[in-house]
Every structure is written in structure tokens, then in C-alpha cells.
Amino acid sequence: MKPSGRRPTTSAVGRVRAQDRRKTAVFFGGVVPASPDEERLAEEVGMALAGAGFALLHGGYNGLMEAAARGAAAKGGTVTAVTLAAKHAEWGDFNPHVTDEVHLPDLGARLNHYLDAADLLVAMGGGVGTLHELTAALYYAGTIRPVPVWITGPTALGLLSFLRREKWLFETPTRPLGFISPIGSAAAFAAQLHDLTTGTDETEVGA
């Protein structure tokens, strides 16, 4: 069941930024983890993000989303769920770690909300919904705003290799791919996050 005392809002991310001065990490991950190790990785990612002062923004449901939210909650982080107003009853309750909600009218609005709010985009494995979110993030970061896109976990890293190998994703002088970071472990994620938040990483948060 959803914790009591929350009211849906379409300005949750803005309120988090204004009050807490936190950056926002958007997490894309599916409802069916590929393995217990992948689920644990998502939880460690959530812990690292909240520990570094990021507010977490994601779909709000179960699977990898819940694992990331659980990790963020363990470090006192805020977790905002973004869903479709007409589908929420069908999709069910949010996971118990969600602290705020955004209900939007359609998929385009939902995806734009994610991308426009993001200071950092983190993607793991999932189904076609996660695939849609990740490819949109890659296009957005490559053409609209160079927000960092971090890809972690064996499923998502395998997808990234496929996209590169089959030339769905390739670098040109006008479309560099330096915003993409493949990350192989929780320890590597934490180290890169430290570099990013201390200004030693090449890709600036919120650039």
C-alpha cells in the first residue's frame, strides 16, 4: 500500500530542487530483474545516488525500480514516481519507498518529464518500456542536452554493445557520445559518482 499523507503533484521535481537543492537522478529499470545480482546492483545504485545527494525519479513500481528506491530510502533519499494518470489503477500501487507522485496524461509527457528533469540518467535492464526510455535518453542527450547517461548491469551493457556493434549507435563529429558511461559494478558506479559530484568527471552534472 502507498504511504499515507502524500498528494499527487506535477511539480514534485521542482519542489525538491527548490527546497533541498538536490540534483535529480532518473532511473530506468524493468519490473522483472534478470537476476538477484542485478536487483542487488539496483539497490546499491539507489543507495549511492541518495548518499551523494540525488533525488530519485522513476516509474515507481516494482522490480529494479523498487530495488533502487529501497536503496535510496535506506540513505534517506526522496523517491518520486512518475506514472500515467489513466493507467495507475491498472498498474497497481507504487512501491512502499515512494515519497511523492507525478500523474501525467500520456507517454510523451511522461518521457519528457523524465528527460527535462534529469541531471543524471541511469539505465539498467528491463522490457520494451525500459528500452524505449533508454533509447529516448540516448537520443535526447546526443541531440538536445548532454546529460550524462550511465548504463550498468549485464543486461543493459549487453544492449549497449549490440547498439554499437550494429551501428544503431555511433559517434560523429557533430554527435559525440562522451555523455555515455558503461559501468560494470556497484563499486565502479560509486567511484564515478564521486568523481562526478566532486567535479573531477569529464561530464558535468546538469550541463
N, C-alpha and C. Protein backbone atom coordinates (compact mmCIF):
# COMPACT_ATOMS: atom_id res chain seq x y z
N MET A 1 0.83 -1.19 0.00
CA MET A 1 0.00 0.00 0.00
C MET A 1 0.87 1.25 0.00
N LYS A 2 0.33 2.36 -0.55
CA LYS A 2 1.07 3.60 -0.58
C LYS A 2 1.06 4.25 0.79
N PRO A 3 2.22 4.83 1.20
CA PRO A 3 2.23 5.52 2.47
C PRO A 3 1.23 6.66 2.48
N SER A 4 0.62 6.90 3.63
CA SER A 4 -0.37 7.95 3.74
C SER A 4 0.29 9.31 3.76
N GLY A 5 -0.50 10.34 3.51
CA GLY A 5 -0.02 11.71 3.62
C GLY A 5 0.60 12.27 2.37
N ARG A 6 0.62 11.49 1.24
CA ARG A 6 1.18 12.01 0.01
C ARG A 6 0.05 12.48 -0.89
N ARG A 7 0.28 13.55 -1.58
CA ARG A 7 -0.69 14.03 -2.54
C ARG A 7 -0.03 14.10 -3.91
N PRO A 8 -0.72 13.63 -4.97
CA PRO A 8 -0.15 13.70 -6.30
C PRO A 8 0.18 15.14 -6.66
N THR A 9 1.27 15.31 -7.38
CA THR A 9 1.66 16.65 -7.81
C THR A 9 2.39 16.55 -9.13
N THR A 10 2.29 17.57 -9.95
CA THR A 10 3.04 17.61 -11.20
C THR A 10 4.26 18.49 -11.08
N SER A 11 4.59 18.95 -9.88
CA SER A 11 5.75 19.81 -9.71
C SER A 11 6.68 19.26 -8.65
N ALA A 12 6.68 17.94 -8.48
CA ALA A 12 7.47 17.34 -7.40
C ALA A 12 8.95 17.62 -7.57
N VAL A 13 9.45 17.47 -8.80
CA VAL A 13 10.87 17.64 -9.02
C VAL A 13 11.29 19.08 -8.75
N GLY A 14 10.50 20.03 -9.23
CA GLY A 14 10.82 21.42 -8.97
C GLY A 14 10.84 21.74 -7.50
N ARG A 15 9.90 21.14 -6.73
CA ARG A 15 9.86 21.40 -5.29
C ARG A 15 11.08 20.82 -4.60
N VAL A 16 11.51 19.62 -5.04
CA VAL A 16 12.71 19.02 -4.46
C VAL A 16 13.90 19.93 -4.69
N ARG A 17 14.04 20.44 -5.89
CA ARG A 17 15.19 21.29 -6.19
C ARG A 17 15.15 22.58 -5.38
N ALA A 18 13.97 23.18 -5.28
CA ALA A 18 13.87 24.46 -4.59
C ALA A 18 14.13 24.32 -3.10
N GLN A 19 13.63 23.23 -2.50
CA GLN A 19 13.73 23.09 -1.06
C GLN A 19 15.04 22.44 -0.63
N ASP A 20 15.45 21.40 -1.32
CA ASP A 20 16.59 20.61 -0.87
C ASP A 20 17.87 20.89 -1.65
N ARG A 21 17.76 21.62 -2.77
CA ARG A 21 18.90 21.89 -3.64
C ARG A 21 19.56 20.60 -4.11
N ARG A 22 18.76 19.59 -4.30
CA ARG A 22 19.29 18.32 -4.76
C ARG A 22 19.26 18.23 -6.27
N LYS A 23 20.22 17.51 -6.79
CA LYS A 23 20.16 17.13 -8.19
C LYS A 23 19.20 15.94 -8.33
N THR A 24 18.75 15.71 -9.55
CA THR A 24 17.80 14.63 -9.80
C THR A 24 18.42 13.55 -10.68
N ALA A 25 18.38 12.32 -10.19
CA ALA A 25 18.81 11.17 -10.98
C ALA A 25 17.57 10.42 -11.44
N VAL A 26 17.44 10.23 -12.74
CA VAL A 26 16.35 9.46 -13.30
C VAL A 26 16.84 8.03 -13.51
N PHE A 27 16.06 7.07 -13.01
CA PHE A 27 16.43 5.66 -13.08
C PHE A 27 15.47 4.92 -13.98
N PHE A 28 16.00 4.25 -15.00
CA PHE A 28 15.21 3.41 -15.89
C PHE A 28 15.57 1.95 -15.62
N GLY A 29 14.59 1.15 -15.23
CA GLY A 29 14.81 -0.27 -14.97
C GLY A 29 13.49 -1.00 -14.98
N GLY A 30 13.51 -2.27 -15.33
CA GLY A 30 12.29 -3.03 -15.53
C GLY A 30 11.71 -3.63 -14.27
N VAL A 31 10.54 -4.21 -14.42
CA VAL A 31 9.82 -4.80 -13.29
C VAL A 31 10.24 -6.24 -13.03
N VAL A 32 11.01 -6.84 -13.94
CA VAL A 32 11.46 -8.22 -13.76
C VAL A 32 12.99 -8.24 -13.85
N PRO A 33 13.68 -8.22 -12.71
CA PRO A 33 15.15 -8.26 -12.75
C PRO A 33 15.65 -9.54 -13.43
N ALA A 34 16.75 -9.41 -14.15
CA ALA A 34 17.31 -10.58 -14.83
C ALA A 34 17.89 -11.58 -13.85
N SER A 35 18.27 -11.12 -12.66
CA SER A 35 18.88 -12.00 -11.67
C SER A 35 18.87 -11.31 -10.32
N PRO A 36 19.04 -12.08 -9.23
CA PRO A 36 19.18 -11.45 -7.91
C PRO A 36 20.37 -10.48 -7.85
N ASP A 37 21.45 -10.78 -8.57
CA ASP A 37 22.60 -9.87 -8.58
C ASP A 37 22.24 -8.53 -9.20
N GLU A 38 21.43 -8.56 -10.25
CA GLU A 38 21.02 -7.32 -10.89
C GLU A 38 20.13 -6.51 -9.94
N GLU A 39 19.25 -7.19 -9.22
CA GLU A 39 18.40 -6.49 -8.26
C GLU A 39 19.25 -5.86 -7.15
N ARG A 40 20.23 -6.58 -6.67
CA ARG A 40 21.12 -6.03 -5.65
C ARG A 40 21.89 -4.84 -6.18
N LEU A 41 22.33 -4.90 -7.43
CA LEU A 41 23.02 -3.78 -8.04
C LEU A 41 22.13 -2.54 -8.08
N ALA A 42 20.85 -2.72 -8.45
CA ALA A 42 19.93 -1.60 -8.47
C ALA A 42 19.79 -0.97 -7.09
N GLU A 43 19.73 -1.80 -6.06
CA GLU A 43 19.64 -1.28 -4.70
C GLU A 43 20.89 -0.49 -4.33
N GLU A 44 22.05 -0.99 -4.70
CA GLU A 44 23.30 -0.29 -4.40
C GLU A 44 23.40 1.01 -5.19
N VAL A 45 22.88 1.02 -6.42
CA VAL A 45 22.83 2.25 -7.20
C VAL A 45 21.96 3.29 -6.49
N GLY A 46 20.79 2.87 -6.02
CA GLY A 46 19.92 3.78 -5.29
C GLY A 46 20.58 4.33 -4.04
N MET A 47 21.29 3.48 -3.31
CA MET A 47 21.99 3.93 -2.11
C MET A 47 23.06 4.95 -2.45
N ALA A 48 23.82 4.68 -3.51
CA ALA A 48 24.89 5.59 -3.90
C ALA A 48 24.33 6.94 -4.33
N LEU A 49 23.25 6.94 -5.09
CA LEU A 49 22.66 8.19 -5.56
C LEU A 49 22.15 9.03 -4.40
N ALA A 50 21.40 8.40 -3.51
CA ALA A 50 20.88 9.17 -2.37
C ALA A 50 22.01 9.63 -1.45
N GLY A 51 23.01 8.78 -1.29
CA GLY A 51 24.14 9.16 -0.46
C GLY A 51 24.91 10.34 -1.02
N ALA A 52 24.87 10.51 -2.33
CA ALA A 52 25.53 11.64 -2.99
C ALA A 52 24.62 12.86 -3.09
N GLY A 53 23.41 12.76 -2.53
CA GLY A 53 22.51 13.90 -2.50
C GLY A 53 21.54 14.02 -3.66
N PHE A 54 21.40 12.95 -4.44
CA PHE A 54 20.47 12.99 -5.56
C PHE A 54 19.06 12.58 -5.12
N ALA A 55 18.06 13.27 -5.62
CA ALA A 55 16.68 12.81 -5.54
C ALA A 55 16.46 11.80 -6.67
N LEU A 56 15.71 10.73 -6.39
CA LEU A 56 15.49 9.67 -7.37
C LEU A 56 14.12 9.84 -8.03
N LEU A 57 14.11 9.74 -9.34
CA LEU A 57 12.89 9.87 -10.13
C LEU A 57 12.77 8.65 -11.02
N HIS A 58 11.65 7.90 -10.90
CA HIS A 58 11.46 6.74 -11.76
C HIS A 58 9.99 6.35 -11.81
N GLY A 59 9.70 5.20 -12.43
CA GLY A 59 8.31 4.80 -12.63
C GLY A 59 7.54 4.50 -11.36
N GLY A 60 8.26 4.12 -10.31
CA GLY A 60 7.60 3.95 -9.01
C GLY A 60 7.07 2.57 -8.70
N TYR A 61 7.23 1.63 -9.63
CA TYR A 61 6.62 0.32 -9.41
C TYR A 61 7.65 -0.67 -8.86
N ASN A 62 7.54 -1.94 -9.21
CA ASN A 62 8.36 -2.95 -8.54
C ASN A 62 9.59 -3.31 -9.36
N GLY A 63 10.19 -4.47 -9.04
CA GLY A 63 11.37 -4.91 -9.76
C GLY A 63 12.58 -4.04 -9.48
N LEU A 64 13.31 -3.70 -10.52
CA LEU A 64 14.51 -2.88 -10.36
C LEU A 64 14.17 -1.49 -9.83
N MET A 65 13.02 -0.97 -10.20
CA MET A 65 12.61 0.33 -9.67
C MET A 65 12.47 0.28 -8.15
N GLU A 66 11.84 -0.76 -7.66
CA GLU A 66 11.68 -0.88 -6.22
C GLU A 66 13.02 -1.08 -5.53
N ALA A 67 13.90 -1.86 -6.13
CA ALA A 67 15.22 -2.08 -5.54
C ALA A 67 15.99 -0.77 -5.44
N ALA A 68 15.98 0.03 -6.50
CA ALA A 68 16.66 1.32 -6.46
C ALA A 68 16.03 2.24 -5.42
N ALA A 69 14.70 2.23 -5.34
CA ALA A 69 14.00 3.05 -4.35
C ALA A 69 14.32 2.61 -2.93
N ARG A 70 14.41 1.30 -2.74
CA ARG A 70 14.75 0.77 -1.42
C ARG A 70 16.14 1.24 -0.99
N GLY A 71 17.08 1.21 -1.93
CA GLY A 71 18.41 1.69 -1.62
C GLY A 71 18.43 3.17 -1.32
N ALA A 72 17.70 3.96 -2.09
CA ALA A 72 17.65 5.39 -1.84
C ALA A 72 17.02 5.69 -0.49
N ALA A 73 15.93 4.98 -0.18
CA ALA A 73 15.25 5.20 1.10
C ALA A 73 16.16 4.87 2.28
N ALA A 74 17.02 3.85 2.12
CA ALA A 74 17.92 3.46 3.19
C ALA A 74 18.91 4.57 3.54
N LYS A 75 19.15 5.46 2.58
CA LYS A 75 20.06 6.59 2.80
C LYS A 75 19.31 7.90 3.01
N GLY A 76 18.00 7.79 3.23
CA GLY A 76 17.21 8.99 3.49
C GLY A 76 16.85 9.80 2.27
N GLY A 77 16.93 9.19 1.09
CA GLY A 77 16.65 9.91 -0.15
C GLY A 77 15.17 10.01 -0.46
N THR A 78 14.82 10.96 -1.31
CA THR A 78 13.45 11.09 -1.79
C THR A 78 13.29 10.31 -3.08
N VAL A 79 12.10 9.74 -3.27
CA VAL A 79 11.80 8.91 -4.44
C VAL A 79 10.48 9.38 -5.03
N THR A 80 10.54 9.93 -6.23
CA THR A 80 9.33 10.40 -6.90
C THR A 80 8.94 9.44 -8.01
N ALA A 81 7.69 9.00 -7.99
CA ALA A 81 7.16 8.11 -9.02
C ALA A 81 6.45 8.91 -10.10
N VAL A 82 6.69 8.56 -11.34
CA VAL A 82 6.06 9.22 -12.48
C VAL A 82 5.25 8.19 -13.25
N THR A 83 3.94 8.39 -13.31
CA THR A 83 3.08 7.39 -13.93
C THR A 83 2.08 8.05 -14.87
N LEU A 84 1.29 7.23 -15.54
CA LEU A 84 0.21 7.72 -16.40
C LEU A 84 -1.08 7.74 -15.59
N ALA A 85 -1.76 8.87 -15.60
CA ALA A 85 -2.96 9.03 -14.80
C ALA A 85 -4.00 7.97 -15.12
N ALA A 86 -4.17 7.65 -16.39
CA ALA A 86 -5.22 6.71 -16.79
C ALA A 86 -4.83 5.25 -16.57
N LYS A 87 -3.56 4.98 -16.28
CA LYS A 87 -3.09 3.61 -16.15
C LYS A 87 -2.74 3.22 -14.72
N HIS A 88 -2.69 4.18 -13.82
CA HIS A 88 -2.18 3.89 -12.48
C HIS A 88 -3.02 2.83 -11.76
N ALA A 89 -4.33 2.89 -11.89
CA ALA A 89 -5.18 1.90 -11.23
C ALA A 89 -4.91 0.50 -11.78
N GLU A 90 -4.67 0.41 -13.08
CA GLU A 90 -4.38 -0.88 -13.72
C GLU A 90 -3.00 -1.40 -13.33
N TRP A 91 -2.04 -0.52 -13.26
CA TRP A 91 -0.66 -0.92 -12.96
C TRP A 91 -0.44 -1.22 -11.48
N GLY A 92 -1.31 -0.69 -10.62
CA GLY A 92 -1.22 -1.03 -9.20
C GLY A 92 -0.50 0.02 -8.37
N ASP A 93 -0.38 -0.29 -7.09
CA ASP A 93 0.23 0.65 -6.15
C ASP A 93 1.72 0.82 -6.43
N PHE A 94 2.21 1.99 -6.05
CA PHE A 94 3.65 2.21 -6.09
C PHE A 94 4.34 1.37 -5.02
N ASN A 95 5.63 1.22 -5.19
CA ASN A 95 6.37 0.51 -4.15
C ASN A 95 6.39 1.36 -2.87
N PRO A 96 6.62 0.75 -1.72
CA PRO A 96 6.45 1.45 -0.44
C PRO A 96 7.50 2.52 -0.14
N HIS A 97 8.48 2.67 -1.01
CA HIS A 97 9.55 3.64 -0.75
C HIS A 97 9.31 4.97 -1.45
N VAL A 98 8.26 5.05 -2.25
CA VAL A 98 7.93 6.28 -2.97
C VAL A 98 7.48 7.36 -1.99
N THR A 99 8.00 8.56 -2.14
CA THR A 99 7.65 9.67 -1.26
C THR A 99 6.82 10.74 -1.94
N ASP A 100 6.75 10.72 -3.26
CA ASP A 100 5.93 11.69 -3.98
C ASP A 100 5.51 11.11 -5.31
N GLU A 101 4.50 11.70 -5.93
CA GLU A 101 3.91 11.16 -7.15
C GLU A 101 3.69 12.24 -8.19
N VAL A 102 3.85 11.86 -9.45
CA VAL A 102 3.51 12.72 -10.58
C VAL A 102 2.64 11.88 -11.51
N HIS A 103 1.43 12.37 -11.83
CA HIS A 103 0.50 11.67 -12.71
C HIS A 103 0.34 12.49 -13.99
N LEU A 104 0.70 11.90 -15.13
CA LEU A 104 0.72 12.63 -16.39
C LEU A 104 -0.22 11.99 -17.40
N PRO A 105 -0.62 12.75 -18.46
CA PRO A 105 -1.69 12.26 -19.33
C PRO A 105 -1.29 11.26 -20.39
N ASP A 106 -0.02 11.24 -20.80
CA ASP A 106 0.36 10.34 -21.88
C ASP A 106 1.84 10.01 -21.82
N LEU A 107 2.25 9.06 -22.66
CA LEU A 107 3.63 8.59 -22.64
C LEU A 107 4.63 9.68 -23.00
N GLY A 108 4.26 10.54 -23.94
CA GLY A 108 5.15 11.62 -24.33
C GLY A 108 5.42 12.56 -23.17
N ALA A 109 4.37 12.93 -22.46
CA ALA A 109 4.54 13.82 -21.31
C ALA A 109 5.38 13.16 -20.22
N ARG A 110 5.16 11.87 -20.03
CA ARG A 110 5.92 11.14 -19.01
C ARG A 110 7.41 11.11 -19.37
N LEU A 111 7.71 10.77 -20.61
CA LEU A 111 9.10 10.69 -21.02
C LEU A 111 9.77 12.07 -20.99
N ASN A 112 9.07 13.08 -21.45
CA ASN A 112 9.63 14.43 -21.41
C ASN A 112 9.88 14.90 -19.99
N HIS A 113 9.00 14.50 -19.07
CA HIS A 113 9.19 14.86 -17.67
C HIS A 113 10.49 14.26 -17.14
N TYR A 114 10.72 13.00 -17.44
CA TYR A 114 11.97 12.36 -17.06
C TYR A 114 13.18 13.12 -17.61
N LEU A 115 13.19 13.32 -18.91
CA LEU A 115 14.37 13.85 -19.57
C LEU A 115 14.63 15.30 -19.18
N ASP A 116 13.59 16.10 -19.08
CA ASP A 116 13.79 17.50 -18.74
C ASP A 116 14.23 17.68 -17.29
N ALA A 117 13.85 16.75 -16.42
CA ALA A 117 14.21 16.86 -15.00
C ALA A 117 15.60 16.35 -14.69
N ALA A 118 16.16 15.54 -15.58
CA ALA A 118 17.36 14.76 -15.25
C ALA A 118 18.63 15.59 -15.19
N ASP A 119 19.37 15.42 -14.11
CA ASP A 119 20.77 15.84 -14.04
C ASP A 119 21.68 14.66 -14.34
N LEU A 120 21.13 13.45 -14.17
CA LEU A 120 21.85 12.21 -14.45
C LEU A 120 20.81 11.16 -14.81
N LEU A 121 21.07 10.40 -15.87
CA LEU A 121 20.19 9.31 -16.29
C LEU A 121 20.92 7.99 -16.08
N VAL A 122 20.28 7.06 -15.37
CA VAL A 122 20.87 5.76 -15.08
C VAL A 122 19.94 4.69 -15.65
N ALA A 123 20.48 3.79 -16.45
CA ALA A 123 19.66 2.75 -17.07
C ALA A 123 20.20 1.37 -16.77
N MET A 124 19.26 0.46 -16.46
CA MET A 124 19.58 -0.94 -16.28
C MET A 124 18.70 -1.76 -17.21
N GLY A 125 18.58 -3.05 -16.95
CA GLY A 125 17.81 -3.92 -17.83
C GLY A 125 16.31 -3.76 -17.64
N GLY A 126 15.56 -4.37 -18.57
CA GLY A 126 14.11 -4.29 -18.48
C GLY A 126 13.47 -4.80 -19.76
N GLY A 127 12.20 -4.45 -19.93
CA GLY A 127 11.47 -4.84 -21.12
C GLY A 127 11.46 -3.74 -22.16
N VAL A 128 10.47 -3.77 -23.06
CA VAL A 128 10.45 -2.80 -24.15
C VAL A 128 10.19 -1.38 -23.63
N GLY A 129 9.51 -1.26 -22.48
CA GLY A 129 9.31 0.06 -21.91
C GLY A 129 10.62 0.70 -21.50
N THR A 130 11.49 -0.09 -20.85
CA THR A 130 12.81 0.40 -20.48
C THR A 130 13.65 0.67 -21.71
N LEU A 131 13.54 -0.19 -22.71
CA LEU A 131 14.26 0.02 -23.97
C LEU A 131 13.85 1.34 -24.60
N HIS A 132 12.56 1.62 -24.60
CA HIS A 132 12.05 2.88 -25.14
C HIS A 132 12.64 4.06 -24.38
N GLU A 133 12.66 3.98 -23.06
CA GLU A 133 13.18 5.07 -22.24
C GLU A 133 14.68 5.28 -22.48
N LEU A 134 15.43 4.18 -22.54
CA LEU A 134 16.87 4.29 -22.73
C LEU A 134 17.21 4.88 -24.09
N THR A 135 16.59 4.39 -25.15
CA THR A 135 16.92 4.91 -26.48
C THR A 135 16.50 6.37 -26.61
N ALA A 136 15.39 6.74 -25.99
CA ALA A 136 15.00 8.15 -25.98
C ALA A 136 16.02 9.00 -25.24
N ALA A 137 16.53 8.47 -24.12
CA ALA A 137 17.55 9.18 -23.35
C ALA A 137 18.82 9.37 -24.17
N LEU A 138 19.22 8.33 -24.89
CA LEU A 138 20.43 8.44 -25.72
C LEU A 138 20.25 9.48 -26.81
N TYR A 139 19.08 9.49 -27.43
CA TYR A 139 18.83 10.49 -28.49
C TYR A 139 18.80 11.89 -27.89
N TYR A 140 18.12 12.03 -26.77
CA TYR A 140 17.99 13.34 -26.10
C TYR A 140 19.36 13.88 -25.72
N ALA A 141 20.17 13.04 -25.07
CA ALA A 141 21.48 13.50 -24.61
C ALA A 141 22.42 13.78 -25.76
N GLY A 142 22.21 13.12 -26.88
CA GLY A 142 23.07 13.34 -28.04
C GLY A 142 22.67 14.50 -28.91
N THR A 143 21.42 14.96 -28.80
CA THR A 143 20.94 16.00 -29.71
C THR A 143 20.36 17.23 -29.02
N ILE A 144 19.84 17.08 -27.80
CA ILE A 144 19.16 18.18 -27.12
C ILE A 144 20.01 18.76 -26.00
N ARG A 145 20.43 17.93 -25.08
CA ARG A 145 21.17 18.39 -23.90
C ARG A 145 22.08 17.27 -23.44
N PRO A 146 23.38 17.51 -23.27
CA PRO A 146 24.31 16.42 -22.98
C PRO A 146 24.30 15.97 -21.52
N VAL A 147 23.14 15.54 -21.05
CA VAL A 147 23.03 15.00 -19.70
C VAL A 147 23.75 13.65 -19.65
N PRO A 148 24.49 13.35 -18.58
CA PRO A 148 25.18 12.07 -18.50
C PRO A 148 24.20 10.89 -18.52
N VAL A 149 24.51 9.87 -19.29
CA VAL A 149 23.73 8.63 -19.33
C VAL A 149 24.65 7.50 -18.89
N TRP A 150 24.33 6.91 -17.73
CA TRP A 150 25.15 5.82 -17.19
C TRP A 150 24.40 4.51 -17.36
N ILE A 151 25.06 3.54 -17.96
CA ILE A 151 24.44 2.26 -18.26
C ILE A 151 25.16 1.19 -17.46
N THR A 152 24.41 0.44 -16.66
CA THR A 152 25.03 -0.54 -15.77
C THR A 152 24.21 -1.82 -15.70
N GLY A 153 24.86 -2.87 -15.25
CA GLY A 153 24.21 -4.18 -15.19
C GLY A 153 24.43 -4.94 -16.48
N PRO A 154 24.54 -6.26 -16.43
CA PRO A 154 24.88 -7.04 -17.62
C PRO A 154 23.86 -6.94 -18.75
N THR A 155 22.59 -6.84 -18.42
CA THR A 155 21.56 -6.76 -19.47
C THR A 155 21.70 -5.49 -20.28
N ALA A 156 21.77 -4.35 -19.59
CA ALA A 156 21.86 -3.07 -20.28
C ALA A 156 23.20 -2.90 -20.98
N LEU A 157 24.27 -3.41 -20.37
CA LEU A 157 25.58 -3.32 -21.02
C LEU A 157 25.62 -4.17 -22.28
N GLY A 158 24.94 -5.32 -22.25
CA GLY A 158 24.83 -6.14 -23.45
C GLY A 158 24.08 -5.42 -24.56
N LEU A 159 23.02 -4.71 -24.18
CA LEU A 159 22.27 -3.92 -25.16
C LEU A 159 23.13 -2.83 -25.75
N LEU A 160 23.89 -2.14 -24.90
CA LEU A 160 24.76 -1.08 -25.40
C LEU A 160 25.78 -1.63 -26.40
N SER A 161 26.35 -2.78 -26.11
CA SER A 161 27.29 -3.40 -27.04
C SER A 161 26.63 -3.72 -28.37
N PHE A 162 25.40 -4.23 -28.30
CA PHE A 162 24.65 -4.54 -29.52
C PHE A 162 24.40 -3.28 -30.35
N LEU A 163 23.97 -2.21 -29.69
CA LEU A 163 23.67 -0.97 -30.41
C LEU A 163 24.91 -0.41 -31.10
N ARG A 164 26.05 -0.53 -30.42
CA ARG A 164 27.29 -0.06 -31.04
C ARG A 164 27.72 -0.98 -32.19
N ARG A 165 27.66 -2.27 -31.95
CA ARG A 165 28.11 -3.24 -32.94
C ARG A 165 27.30 -3.16 -34.23
N GLU A 166 26.00 -3.00 -34.09
CA GLU A 166 25.11 -2.97 -35.26
C GLU A 166 24.91 -1.56 -35.82
N LYS A 167 25.66 -0.60 -35.28
CA LYS A 167 25.66 0.79 -35.78
C LYS A 167 24.33 1.51 -35.58
N TRP A 168 23.52 1.04 -34.62
CA TRP A 168 22.37 1.84 -34.21
C TRP A 168 22.86 3.06 -33.42
N LEU A 169 24.02 2.92 -32.81
CA LEU A 169 24.60 3.98 -32.00
C LEU A 169 26.05 4.15 -32.45
N PHE A 170 26.36 5.34 -33.00
CA PHE A 170 27.73 5.58 -33.45
C PHE A 170 28.04 7.07 -33.31
N GLU A 171 29.32 7.35 -33.19
CA GLU A 171 29.77 8.72 -32.92
C GLU A 171 30.16 9.41 -34.21
N THR A 172 29.82 10.70 -34.30
CA THR A 172 30.24 11.54 -35.41
C THR A 172 30.79 12.84 -34.84
N PRO A 173 31.46 13.64 -35.64
CA PRO A 173 31.97 14.92 -35.12
C PRO A 173 30.89 15.83 -34.57
N THR A 174 29.69 15.74 -35.11
CA THR A 174 28.60 16.61 -34.64
C THR A 174 27.75 15.95 -33.56
N ARG A 175 27.92 14.65 -33.36
CA ARG A 175 27.17 13.93 -32.33
C ARG A 175 28.10 13.04 -31.51
N PRO A 176 28.90 13.66 -30.66
CA PRO A 176 29.80 12.87 -29.82
C PRO A 176 29.02 12.06 -28.79
N LEU A 177 29.62 10.98 -28.32
CA LEU A 177 28.96 10.08 -27.37
C LEU A 177 29.64 10.08 -26.01
N GLY A 178 30.35 11.14 -25.71
CA GLY A 178 31.05 11.20 -24.43
C GLY A 178 30.15 11.25 -23.22
N PHE A 179 28.85 11.49 -23.44
CA PHE A 179 27.90 11.52 -22.32
C PHE A 179 27.55 10.12 -21.82
N ILE A 180 27.90 9.08 -22.59
CA ILE A 180 27.57 7.71 -22.22
C ILE A 180 28.69 7.11 -21.38
N SER A 181 28.33 6.48 -20.27
CA SER A 181 29.31 5.77 -19.44
C SER A 181 28.83 4.36 -19.18
N PRO A 182 29.49 3.34 -19.72
CA PRO A 182 29.19 1.96 -19.32
C PRO A 182 29.89 1.68 -17.99
N ILE A 183 29.15 1.15 -17.03
CA ILE A 183 29.68 0.95 -15.68
C ILE A 183 29.43 -0.50 -15.27
N GLY A 184 30.51 -1.19 -14.88
CA GLY A 184 30.44 -2.62 -14.71
C GLY A 184 30.08 -3.13 -13.34
N SER A 185 30.10 -2.29 -12.31
CA SER A 185 29.87 -2.79 -10.96
C SER A 185 29.39 -1.67 -10.05
N ALA A 186 28.90 -2.06 -8.87
CA ALA A 186 28.47 -1.07 -7.89
C ALA A 186 29.63 -0.22 -7.42
N ALA A 187 30.79 -0.84 -7.25
CA ALA A 187 31.97 -0.09 -6.81
C ALA A 187 32.38 0.94 -7.86
N ALA A 188 32.34 0.54 -9.13
CA ALA A 188 32.68 1.47 -10.20
C ALA A 188 31.66 2.59 -10.29
N PHE A 189 30.38 2.26 -10.05
CA PHE A 189 29.34 3.28 -10.06
C PHE A 189 29.59 4.31 -8.97
N ALA A 190 29.88 3.83 -7.76
CA ALA A 190 30.12 4.73 -6.64
C ALA A 190 31.34 5.61 -6.89
N ALA A 191 32.39 5.04 -7.47
CA ALA A 191 33.60 5.82 -7.75
C ALA A 191 33.35 6.89 -8.80
N GLN A 192 32.61 6.53 -9.85
CA GLN A 192 32.32 7.53 -10.89
C GLN A 192 31.38 8.60 -10.37
N LEU A 193 30.44 8.22 -9.51
CA LEU A 193 29.54 9.19 -8.92
C LEU A 193 30.32 10.18 -8.05
N HIS A 194 31.30 9.68 -7.31
CA HIS A 194 32.14 10.55 -6.51
C HIS A 194 32.88 11.54 -7.40
N ASP A 195 33.42 11.05 -8.50
CA ASP A 195 34.12 11.94 -9.42
C ASP A 195 33.18 12.98 -10.01
N LEU A 196 31.98 12.56 -10.34
CA LEU A 196 31.00 13.47 -10.94
C LEU A 196 30.60 14.57 -9.97
N THR A 197 30.35 14.21 -8.74
CA THR A 197 29.85 15.19 -7.78
C THR A 197 30.97 16.05 -7.19
N THR A 198 32.20 15.63 -7.36
CA THR A 198 33.31 16.45 -6.87
C THR A 198 33.97 17.24 -7.99
N GLY A 199 33.43 17.09 -9.20
CA GLY A 199 33.91 17.89 -10.31
C GLY A 199 35.10 17.34 -11.05
N THR A 200 35.46 16.08 -10.80
CA THR A 200 36.61 15.50 -11.48
C THR A 200 36.22 14.65 -12.69
N ASP A 201 34.92 14.41 -12.85
CA ASP A 201 34.44 13.67 -14.01
C ASP A 201 34.37 14.61 -15.21
N GLU A 202 34.57 14.07 -16.42
CA GLU A 202 34.59 14.90 -17.60
C GLU A 202 33.21 15.45 -17.95
N THR A 203 32.14 14.75 -17.57
CA THR A 203 30.78 15.17 -17.89
C THR A 203 30.15 15.83 -16.69
N GLU A 204 29.82 17.09 -16.80
CA GLU A 204 29.29 17.85 -15.67
C GLU A 204 27.83 17.51 -15.43
N VAL A 205 27.45 17.33 -14.18
CA VAL A 205 26.05 17.10 -13.84
C VAL A 205 25.25 18.35 -14.20
N GLY A 206 24.13 18.15 -14.88
CA GLY A 206 23.24 19.27 -15.18
C GLY A 206 23.74 20.15 -16.28
N ALA A 207 24.73 19.68 -17.06
CA ALA A 207 25.27 20.51 -18.12
C ALA A 207 24.21 20.84 -19.16
